[in-house]
Amino acid sequence: MRAPRPVLARASVLASGRDREIDGEDIGQRLSRQAYDAAGLGSDDIEIAEVHDATAYEELHQTEALGFCEEGAGGPFAGSGATDWGGSLPINTSGGLESRGRPIGASGLAQIHEIVTQLRGEAGQRQAEGVRVGLTENGGGNIGFEEASMTIHILEGV
């Protein structure tokens, strides 16, 4: 029998989008604050993430909205290598939604599976070293300038 490999759900939040002005606060900004508050953590505590990346821009935008870098700095942040497997904050080590053909519904579960696998140290060649706290962010649909719904989960290996 395999030994238990628990992963703690520090936060699990869901929100509906709203029809906001283009320069208004993004659902990712609003919801990530709720998730960080619920977890008792901040964006600096996240060591690995799986974010919605149905397009390349979305990954860059989500790194900004989630507080991993300043607004407008998503491209340079990724270009610096920070989001690579060996970077300071590996993002989408699974290959992201684009690598799976963006299966509706299954995308969020695949993100959680990847983070749990990483936190357990069982990701094989994809393994990011020493990660203990991970985040998943998934959104869908559109209302005006933002997603119609979004979920964020913060998980911790114990």
N, C-alpha and C. Protein backbone atom coordinates (compact mmCIF):
# COMPACT_ATOMS: atom_id res chain seq x y z
N MET A 1 0.83 -1.18 0.00
CA MET A 1 0.00 0.00 0.00
C MET A 1 0.88 1.25 0.00
N ARG A 2 0.51 2.23 -0.78
CA ARG A 2 1.24 3.47 -0.90
C ARG A 2 0.98 4.37 0.30
N ALA A 3 2.02 5.03 0.79
CA ALA A 3 1.89 5.95 1.92
C ALA A 3 1.05 7.16 1.51
N PRO A 4 0.29 7.74 2.43
CA PRO A 4 -0.49 8.94 2.09
C PRO A 4 0.41 10.09 1.65
N ARG A 5 -0.06 10.84 0.71
CA ARG A 5 0.69 11.99 0.19
C ARG A 5 -0.23 13.19 0.18
N PRO A 6 -0.59 13.70 1.34
CA PRO A 6 -1.60 14.76 1.40
C PRO A 6 -1.13 16.07 0.78
N VAL A 7 -2.10 16.77 0.24
CA VAL A 7 -1.92 18.13 -0.24
C VAL A 7 -3.07 18.93 0.35
N LEU A 8 -2.76 20.01 1.01
CA LEU A 8 -3.74 20.85 1.67
C LEU A 8 -4.29 21.90 0.71
N ALA A 9 -5.62 22.04 0.68
CA ALA A 9 -6.25 23.11 -0.09
C ALA A 9 -6.31 24.34 0.82
N ARG A 10 -5.42 25.29 0.60
CA ARG A 10 -5.38 26.51 1.43
C ARG A 10 -6.48 27.48 1.04
N ALA A 11 -6.87 27.48 -0.24
CA ALA A 11 -7.95 28.35 -0.71
C ALA A 11 -8.55 27.76 -1.97
N SER A 12 -9.85 27.96 -2.12
CA SER A 12 -10.58 27.55 -3.31
C SER A 12 -11.69 28.57 -3.50
N VAL A 13 -11.56 29.43 -4.50
CA VAL A 13 -12.51 30.52 -4.68
C VAL A 13 -13.03 30.54 -6.12
N LEU A 14 -14.26 30.98 -6.26
CA LEU A 14 -14.95 31.07 -7.55
C LEU A 14 -15.66 32.40 -7.61
N ALA A 15 -15.63 33.04 -8.75
CA ALA A 15 -16.35 34.31 -8.92
C ALA A 15 -16.88 34.43 -10.33
N SER A 16 -17.93 35.21 -10.46
CA SER A 16 -18.48 35.56 -11.76
C SER A 16 -17.88 36.88 -12.20
N GLY A 17 -17.67 37.00 -13.49
CA GLY A 17 -17.16 38.26 -14.03
C GLY A 17 -18.25 39.32 -14.05
N ARG A 18 -17.83 40.51 -14.43
CA ARG A 18 -18.80 41.59 -14.55
C ARG A 18 -18.42 42.45 -15.75
N ASP A 19 -19.38 43.15 -16.25
CA ASP A 19 -19.15 44.03 -17.40
C ASP A 19 -18.51 45.31 -16.87
N ARG A 20 -17.21 45.39 -16.95
CA ARG A 20 -16.46 46.50 -16.38
C ARG A 20 -15.88 47.36 -17.48
N GLU A 21 -15.38 48.51 -17.09
CA GLU A 21 -14.66 49.37 -18.03
C GLU A 21 -13.32 48.70 -18.36
N ILE A 22 -12.77 49.00 -19.51
CA ILE A 22 -11.52 48.36 -19.94
C ILE A 22 -10.38 48.62 -18.96
N ASP A 23 -10.38 49.78 -18.31
CA ASP A 23 -9.30 50.08 -17.36
C ASP A 23 -9.70 49.77 -15.92
N GLY A 24 -10.84 49.09 -15.73
CA GLY A 24 -11.27 48.71 -14.38
C GLY A 24 -10.51 47.50 -13.86
N GLU A 25 -10.70 47.21 -12.60
CA GLU A 25 -10.01 46.09 -11.97
C GLU A 25 -10.48 44.77 -12.58
N ASP A 26 -9.54 43.92 -12.92
CA ASP A 26 -9.77 42.63 -13.57
C ASP A 26 -10.25 41.58 -12.58
N ILE A 27 -11.04 40.62 -13.04
CA ILE A 27 -11.52 39.54 -12.19
C ILE A 27 -10.35 38.78 -11.55
N GLY A 28 -9.27 38.60 -12.28
CA GLY A 28 -8.10 37.91 -11.72
C GLY A 28 -7.49 38.66 -10.55
N GLN A 29 -7.48 39.98 -10.64
CA GLN A 29 -6.98 40.79 -9.53
C GLN A 29 -7.90 40.67 -8.32
N ARG A 30 -9.20 40.79 -8.56
CA ARG A 30 -10.17 40.71 -7.46
C ARG A 30 -10.14 39.33 -6.80
N LEU A 31 -10.20 38.28 -7.62
CA LEU A 31 -10.30 36.93 -7.08
C LEU A 31 -9.00 36.47 -6.44
N SER A 32 -7.85 36.86 -6.99
CA SER A 32 -6.59 36.44 -6.38
C SER A 32 -6.43 37.04 -4.99
N ARG A 33 -6.87 38.28 -4.80
CA ARG A 33 -6.82 38.86 -3.45
C ARG A 33 -7.65 38.03 -2.47
N GLN A 34 -8.84 37.60 -2.92
CA GLN A 34 -9.68 36.76 -2.06
C GLN A 34 -8.97 35.45 -1.73
N ALA A 35 -8.36 34.84 -2.74
CA ALA A 35 -7.66 33.57 -2.53
C ALA A 35 -6.47 33.74 -1.59
N TYR A 36 -5.67 34.78 -1.81
CA TYR A 36 -4.51 35.02 -0.95
C TYR A 36 -4.96 35.28 0.49
N ASP A 37 -6.02 36.06 0.66
CA ASP A 37 -6.55 36.33 2.01
C ASP A 37 -7.02 35.05 2.67
N ALA A 38 -7.77 34.22 1.94
CA ALA A 38 -8.28 32.97 2.50
C ALA A 38 -7.15 32.02 2.89
N ALA A 39 -6.07 32.03 2.10
CA ALA A 39 -4.93 31.15 2.36
C ALA A 39 -3.97 31.71 3.40
N GLY A 40 -4.10 33.00 3.70
CA GLY A 40 -3.15 33.64 4.59
C GLY A 40 -1.78 33.78 3.94
N LEU A 41 -1.77 33.94 2.62
CA LEU A 41 -0.54 34.03 1.85
C LEU A 41 -0.61 35.22 0.90
N GLY A 42 0.49 35.48 0.23
CA GLY A 42 0.53 36.51 -0.80
C GLY A 42 1.09 35.93 -2.08
N SER A 43 1.10 36.73 -3.12
CA SER A 43 1.61 36.26 -4.41
C SER A 43 3.08 35.83 -4.32
N ASP A 44 3.84 36.44 -3.43
CA ASP A 44 5.25 36.08 -3.26
C ASP A 44 5.44 34.69 -2.66
N ASP A 45 4.40 34.13 -2.06
CA ASP A 45 4.49 32.80 -1.45
C ASP A 45 4.24 31.67 -2.46
N ILE A 46 3.73 32.00 -3.63
CA ILE A 46 3.43 30.99 -4.65
C ILE A 46 4.74 30.59 -5.32
N GLU A 47 4.97 29.27 -5.41
CA GLU A 47 6.23 28.76 -5.96
C GLU A 47 6.07 28.09 -7.32
N ILE A 48 4.83 27.81 -7.71
CA ILE A 48 4.54 27.18 -9.00
C ILE A 48 3.08 27.47 -9.32
N ALA A 49 2.76 27.60 -10.61
CA ALA A 49 1.38 27.92 -10.98
C ALA A 49 1.01 27.30 -12.32
N GLU A 50 -0.26 26.99 -12.43
CA GLU A 50 -0.89 26.61 -13.70
C GLU A 50 -1.95 27.67 -13.95
N VAL A 51 -1.83 28.42 -15.04
CA VAL A 51 -2.78 29.49 -15.33
C VAL A 51 -3.41 29.28 -16.69
N HIS A 52 -4.59 29.85 -16.87
CA HIS A 52 -5.33 29.74 -18.12
C HIS A 52 -4.52 30.40 -19.23
N ASP A 53 -4.21 29.61 -20.25
CA ASP A 53 -3.40 30.13 -21.35
C ASP A 53 -3.93 29.65 -22.71
N ALA A 54 -5.24 29.82 -22.93
CA ALA A 54 -5.80 29.42 -24.21
C ALA A 54 -5.13 30.18 -25.36
N THR A 55 -4.56 31.34 -25.05
CA THR A 55 -3.71 32.07 -25.99
C THR A 55 -2.44 32.45 -25.23
N ALA A 56 -1.39 32.73 -25.95
CA ALA A 56 -0.13 33.10 -25.30
C ALA A 56 -0.31 34.37 -24.48
N TYR A 57 -1.11 35.32 -24.96
CA TYR A 57 -1.33 36.56 -24.21
C TYR A 57 -1.94 36.28 -22.85
N GLU A 58 -2.86 35.33 -22.78
CA GLU A 58 -3.56 35.10 -21.51
C GLU A 58 -2.59 34.72 -20.38
N GLU A 59 -1.60 33.91 -20.68
CA GLU A 59 -0.63 33.58 -19.63
C GLU A 59 0.09 34.83 -19.14
N LEU A 60 0.48 35.69 -20.05
CA LEU A 60 1.16 36.92 -19.66
C LEU A 60 0.24 37.81 -18.83
N HIS A 61 -1.00 37.94 -19.27
CA HIS A 61 -1.97 38.75 -18.54
C HIS A 61 -2.22 38.18 -17.14
N GLN A 62 -2.37 36.87 -17.03
CA GLN A 62 -2.67 36.28 -15.72
C GLN A 62 -1.50 36.43 -14.76
N THR A 63 -0.26 36.37 -15.24
CA THR A 63 0.87 36.58 -14.33
C THR A 63 0.82 37.97 -13.72
N GLU A 64 0.32 38.93 -14.49
CA GLU A 64 0.16 40.29 -13.98
C GLU A 64 -1.02 40.37 -13.01
N ALA A 65 -2.18 39.85 -13.42
CA ALA A 65 -3.39 39.93 -12.60
C ALA A 65 -3.22 39.20 -11.27
N LEU A 66 -2.48 38.12 -11.25
CA LEU A 66 -2.27 37.34 -10.04
C LEU A 66 -1.21 37.95 -9.12
N GLY A 67 -0.58 39.02 -9.56
CA GLY A 67 0.39 39.72 -8.73
C GLY A 67 1.80 39.16 -8.78
N PHE A 68 2.09 38.32 -9.77
CA PHE A 68 3.43 37.75 -9.88
C PHE A 68 4.43 38.75 -10.45
N CYS A 69 3.92 39.75 -11.15
CA CYS A 69 4.75 40.84 -11.67
C CYS A 69 3.84 42.06 -11.83
N GLU A 70 4.42 43.19 -12.09
CA GLU A 70 3.68 44.44 -12.25
C GLU A 70 2.84 44.41 -13.53
N GLU A 71 1.78 45.19 -13.55
CA GLU A 71 0.95 45.31 -14.74
C GLU A 71 1.80 45.82 -15.90
N GLY A 72 1.68 45.16 -17.03
CA GLY A 72 2.46 45.51 -18.21
C GLY A 72 3.80 44.81 -18.29
N ALA A 73 4.16 44.05 -17.26
CA ALA A 73 5.48 43.40 -17.22
C ALA A 73 5.41 41.89 -17.45
N GLY A 74 4.25 41.36 -17.87
CA GLY A 74 4.12 39.92 -18.08
C GLY A 74 5.08 39.38 -19.13
N GLY A 75 5.22 40.10 -20.24
CA GLY A 75 6.13 39.67 -21.31
C GLY A 75 7.58 39.65 -20.85
N PRO A 76 8.08 40.77 -20.32
CA PRO A 76 9.46 40.76 -19.83
C PRO A 76 9.67 39.74 -18.69
N PHE A 77 8.66 39.54 -17.83
CA PHE A 77 8.78 38.56 -16.75
C PHE A 77 8.99 37.16 -17.34
N ALA A 78 8.16 36.78 -18.32
CA ALA A 78 8.33 35.48 -18.97
C ALA A 78 9.65 35.42 -19.73
N GLY A 79 9.98 36.51 -20.44
CA GLY A 79 11.22 36.55 -21.22
C GLY A 79 12.47 36.45 -20.37
N SER A 80 12.37 36.80 -19.09
CA SER A 80 13.53 36.73 -18.20
C SER A 80 13.86 35.30 -17.79
N GLY A 81 12.95 34.37 -18.09
CA GLY A 81 13.16 32.98 -17.67
C GLY A 81 12.51 32.66 -16.33
N ALA A 82 11.90 33.66 -15.70
CA ALA A 82 11.30 33.45 -14.38
C ALA A 82 10.22 32.38 -14.39
N THR A 83 9.49 32.23 -15.51
CA THR A 83 8.38 31.28 -15.57
C THR A 83 8.78 29.93 -16.16
N ASP A 84 10.04 29.76 -16.50
CA ASP A 84 10.54 28.48 -17.01
C ASP A 84 10.64 27.45 -15.89
N TRP A 85 10.82 26.18 -16.24
CA TRP A 85 10.93 25.12 -15.24
C TRP A 85 11.97 25.44 -14.18
N GLY A 86 13.09 25.96 -14.54
CA GLY A 86 14.14 26.28 -13.57
C GLY A 86 14.07 27.69 -13.04
N GLY A 87 13.02 28.43 -13.41
CA GLY A 87 12.91 29.82 -13.01
C GLY A 87 12.40 29.99 -11.58
N SER A 88 12.27 31.23 -11.17
CA SER A 88 11.84 31.53 -9.81
C SER A 88 10.37 31.21 -9.58
N LEU A 89 9.55 31.16 -10.64
CA LEU A 89 8.13 30.83 -10.54
C LEU A 89 7.71 30.05 -11.79
N PRO A 90 7.96 28.74 -11.81
CA PRO A 90 7.56 27.96 -12.98
C PRO A 90 6.05 28.06 -13.21
N ILE A 91 5.68 28.35 -14.45
CA ILE A 91 4.27 28.47 -14.81
C ILE A 91 3.96 27.52 -15.96
N ASN A 92 2.87 26.79 -15.81
CA ASN A 92 2.39 25.85 -16.82
C ASN A 92 3.43 24.80 -17.18
N THR A 93 3.96 24.14 -16.17
CA THR A 93 4.92 23.06 -16.38
C THR A 93 4.30 21.90 -17.13
N SER A 94 2.98 21.80 -17.12
CA SER A 94 2.28 20.74 -17.84
C SER A 94 2.27 21.00 -19.34
N GLY A 95 2.57 22.21 -19.74
CA GLY A 95 2.44 22.61 -21.13
C GLY A 95 1.24 23.51 -21.32
N GLY A 96 0.40 23.61 -20.30
CA GLY A 96 -0.74 24.50 -20.32
C GLY A 96 -1.89 24.00 -21.17
N LEU A 97 -2.92 24.80 -21.25
CA LEU A 97 -4.13 24.44 -22.00
C LEU A 97 -3.83 24.25 -23.48
N GLU A 98 -2.93 25.06 -24.01
CA GLU A 98 -2.61 24.96 -25.44
C GLU A 98 -2.07 23.57 -25.79
N SER A 99 -1.33 22.95 -24.89
CA SER A 99 -0.74 21.64 -25.19
C SER A 99 -1.76 20.51 -25.11
N ARG A 100 -2.91 20.77 -24.49
CA ARG A 100 -3.94 19.73 -24.35
C ARG A 100 -5.11 19.93 -25.30
N GLY A 101 -5.05 20.91 -26.17
CA GLY A 101 -6.15 21.16 -27.07
C GLY A 101 -7.31 21.85 -26.39
N ARG A 102 -7.09 22.36 -25.19
CA ARG A 102 -8.06 23.15 -24.45
C ARG A 102 -9.38 22.42 -24.23
N PRO A 103 -9.35 21.27 -23.59
CA PRO A 103 -10.59 20.52 -23.36
C PRO A 103 -11.47 21.22 -22.33
N ILE A 104 -12.65 21.63 -22.74
CA ILE A 104 -13.56 22.34 -21.85
C ILE A 104 -13.89 21.44 -20.65
N GLY A 105 -13.87 22.01 -19.47
CA GLY A 105 -14.19 21.27 -18.25
C GLY A 105 -13.00 20.54 -17.68
N ALA A 106 -12.29 19.81 -18.50
CA ALA A 106 -11.16 19.03 -18.02
C ALA A 106 -9.93 19.90 -17.76
N SER A 107 -9.89 21.09 -18.30
CA SER A 107 -8.72 21.96 -18.15
C SER A 107 -8.39 22.24 -16.70
N GLY A 108 -9.39 22.63 -15.91
CA GLY A 108 -9.17 22.94 -14.50
C GLY A 108 -8.70 21.74 -13.71
N LEU A 109 -9.28 20.58 -13.99
CA LEU A 109 -8.85 19.35 -13.30
C LEU A 109 -7.41 19.00 -13.67
N ALA A 110 -7.06 19.19 -14.92
CA ALA A 110 -5.68 18.92 -15.35
C ALA A 110 -4.70 19.85 -14.65
N GLN A 111 -5.09 21.12 -14.46
CA GLN A 111 -4.23 22.06 -13.74
C GLN A 111 -4.01 21.61 -12.30
N ILE A 112 -5.08 21.23 -11.63
CA ILE A 112 -4.97 20.78 -10.24
C ILE A 112 -4.13 19.52 -10.17
N HIS A 113 -4.33 18.60 -11.10
CA HIS A 113 -3.52 17.37 -11.11
C HIS A 113 -2.03 17.71 -11.24
N GLU A 114 -1.70 18.64 -12.12
CA GLU A 114 -0.29 19.01 -12.31
C GLU A 114 0.30 19.60 -11.04
N ILE A 115 -0.42 20.50 -10.40
CA ILE A 115 0.12 21.13 -9.19
C ILE A 115 0.25 20.10 -8.07
N VAL A 116 -0.73 19.24 -7.89
CA VAL A 116 -0.64 18.19 -6.86
C VAL A 116 0.54 17.28 -7.15
N THR A 117 0.71 16.89 -8.41
CA THR A 117 1.85 16.04 -8.79
C THR A 117 3.17 16.74 -8.49
N GLN A 118 3.25 18.03 -8.79
CA GLN A 118 4.47 18.81 -8.51
C GLN A 118 4.72 18.88 -7.00
N LEU A 119 3.68 19.18 -6.22
CA LEU A 119 3.85 19.32 -4.77
C LEU A 119 4.25 18.01 -4.11
N ARG A 120 3.86 16.91 -4.71
CA ARG A 120 4.25 15.58 -4.20
C ARG A 120 5.64 15.17 -4.68
N GLY A 121 6.23 15.94 -5.57
CA GLY A 121 7.55 15.61 -6.10
C GLY A 121 7.53 14.44 -7.07
N GLU A 122 6.41 14.26 -7.77
CA GLU A 122 6.22 13.10 -8.64
C GLU A 122 6.06 13.47 -10.11
N ALA A 123 6.55 14.62 -10.52
CA ALA A 123 6.34 15.09 -11.89
C ALA A 123 7.42 14.65 -12.86
N GLY A 124 8.35 13.80 -12.43
CA GLY A 124 9.36 13.28 -13.33
C GLY A 124 10.19 14.38 -13.97
N GLN A 125 10.31 14.32 -15.30
CA GLN A 125 11.14 15.30 -16.02
C GLN A 125 10.58 16.71 -15.95
N ARG A 126 9.31 16.85 -15.62
CA ARG A 126 8.69 18.18 -15.49
C ARG A 126 8.86 18.74 -14.09
N GLN A 127 9.44 18.01 -13.17
CA GLN A 127 9.47 18.40 -11.76
C GLN A 127 10.23 19.72 -11.53
N ALA A 128 9.55 20.63 -10.87
CA ALA A 128 10.17 21.86 -10.40
C ALA A 128 10.69 21.57 -9.00
N GLU A 129 11.92 21.87 -8.74
CA GLU A 129 12.56 21.49 -7.48
C GLU A 129 12.09 22.32 -6.29
N GLY A 130 11.80 21.63 -5.21
CA GLY A 130 11.56 22.27 -3.93
C GLY A 130 10.27 23.05 -3.80
N VAL A 131 9.28 22.82 -4.66
CA VAL A 131 8.04 23.59 -4.56
C VAL A 131 7.12 23.01 -3.49
N ARG A 132 6.53 23.91 -2.70
CA ARG A 132 5.61 23.49 -1.63
C ARG A 132 4.25 24.17 -1.72
N VAL A 133 4.16 25.30 -2.42
CA VAL A 133 2.89 26.03 -2.52
C VAL A 133 2.64 26.33 -4.00
N GLY A 134 1.46 25.93 -4.48
CA GLY A 134 1.11 26.14 -5.88
C GLY A 134 -0.26 26.76 -6.04
N LEU A 135 -0.49 27.33 -7.21
CA LEU A 135 -1.75 28.01 -7.51
C LEU A 135 -2.25 27.54 -8.86
N THR A 136 -3.57 27.38 -8.97
CA THR A 136 -4.20 27.18 -10.28
C THR A 136 -5.20 28.31 -10.49
N GLU A 137 -5.29 28.76 -11.74
CA GLU A 137 -6.25 29.79 -12.13
C GLU A 137 -6.84 29.37 -13.46
N ASN A 138 -8.17 29.33 -13.51
CA ASN A 138 -8.84 28.96 -14.75
C ASN A 138 -10.07 29.82 -14.93
N GLY A 139 -10.26 30.32 -16.12
CA GLY A 139 -11.41 31.16 -16.40
C GLY A 139 -12.09 30.72 -17.68
N GLY A 140 -13.31 31.18 -17.87
CA GLY A 140 -14.01 30.82 -19.09
C GLY A 140 -15.08 31.81 -19.45
N GLY A 141 -15.42 31.82 -20.72
CA GLY A 141 -16.43 32.73 -21.23
C GLY A 141 -15.95 34.17 -21.19
N ASN A 142 -16.80 35.07 -21.60
CA ASN A 142 -16.47 36.49 -21.57
C ASN A 142 -17.68 37.31 -21.19
N ILE A 143 -17.43 38.32 -20.38
CA ILE A 143 -18.39 39.38 -20.13
C ILE A 143 -17.60 40.67 -20.35
N GLY A 144 -17.88 41.35 -21.42
CA GLY A 144 -17.14 42.57 -21.72
C GLY A 144 -15.66 42.28 -21.86
N PHE A 145 -14.85 42.85 -20.96
CA PHE A 145 -13.40 42.74 -21.06
C PHE A 145 -12.79 41.68 -20.14
N GLU A 146 -13.61 40.83 -19.53
CA GLU A 146 -13.03 39.82 -18.64
C GLU A 146 -13.78 38.50 -18.74
N GLU A 147 -13.24 37.48 -18.06
CA GLU A 147 -13.83 36.17 -18.06
C GLU A 147 -15.20 36.21 -17.38
N ALA A 148 -16.11 35.35 -17.85
CA ALA A 148 -17.43 35.27 -17.24
C ALA A 148 -17.38 34.57 -15.89
N SER A 149 -16.42 33.69 -15.73
CA SER A 149 -16.22 33.03 -14.43
C SER A 149 -14.75 32.67 -14.28
N MET A 150 -14.31 32.51 -13.04
CA MET A 150 -12.93 32.17 -12.76
C MET A 150 -12.85 31.42 -11.44
N THR A 151 -11.93 30.48 -11.38
CA THR A 151 -11.62 29.79 -10.13
C THR A 151 -10.13 29.93 -9.86
N ILE A 152 -9.79 30.04 -8.60
CA ILE A 152 -8.39 30.02 -8.18
C ILE A 152 -8.29 29.10 -6.98
N HIS A 153 -7.30 28.22 -7.02
CA HIS A 153 -7.03 27.30 -5.92
C HIS A 153 -5.58 27.50 -5.49
N ILE A 154 -5.35 27.52 -4.20
CA ILE A 154 -3.99 27.55 -3.67
C ILE A 154 -3.80 26.27 -2.87
N LEU A 155 -2.80 25.50 -3.26
CA LEU A 155 -2.54 24.19 -2.67
C LEU A 155 -1.16 24.16 -2.04
N GLU A 156 -1.03 23.38 -0.96
CA GLU A 156 0.25 23.28 -0.26
C GLU A 156 0.57 21.82 0.03
N GLY A 157 1.77 21.42 -0.31
CA GLY A 157 2.22 20.07 0.03
C GLY A 157 2.54 20.02 1.52
N VAL A 158 2.15 18.93 2.15
CA VAL A 158 2.41 18.78 3.60
C VAL A 158 3.24 17.57 3.88
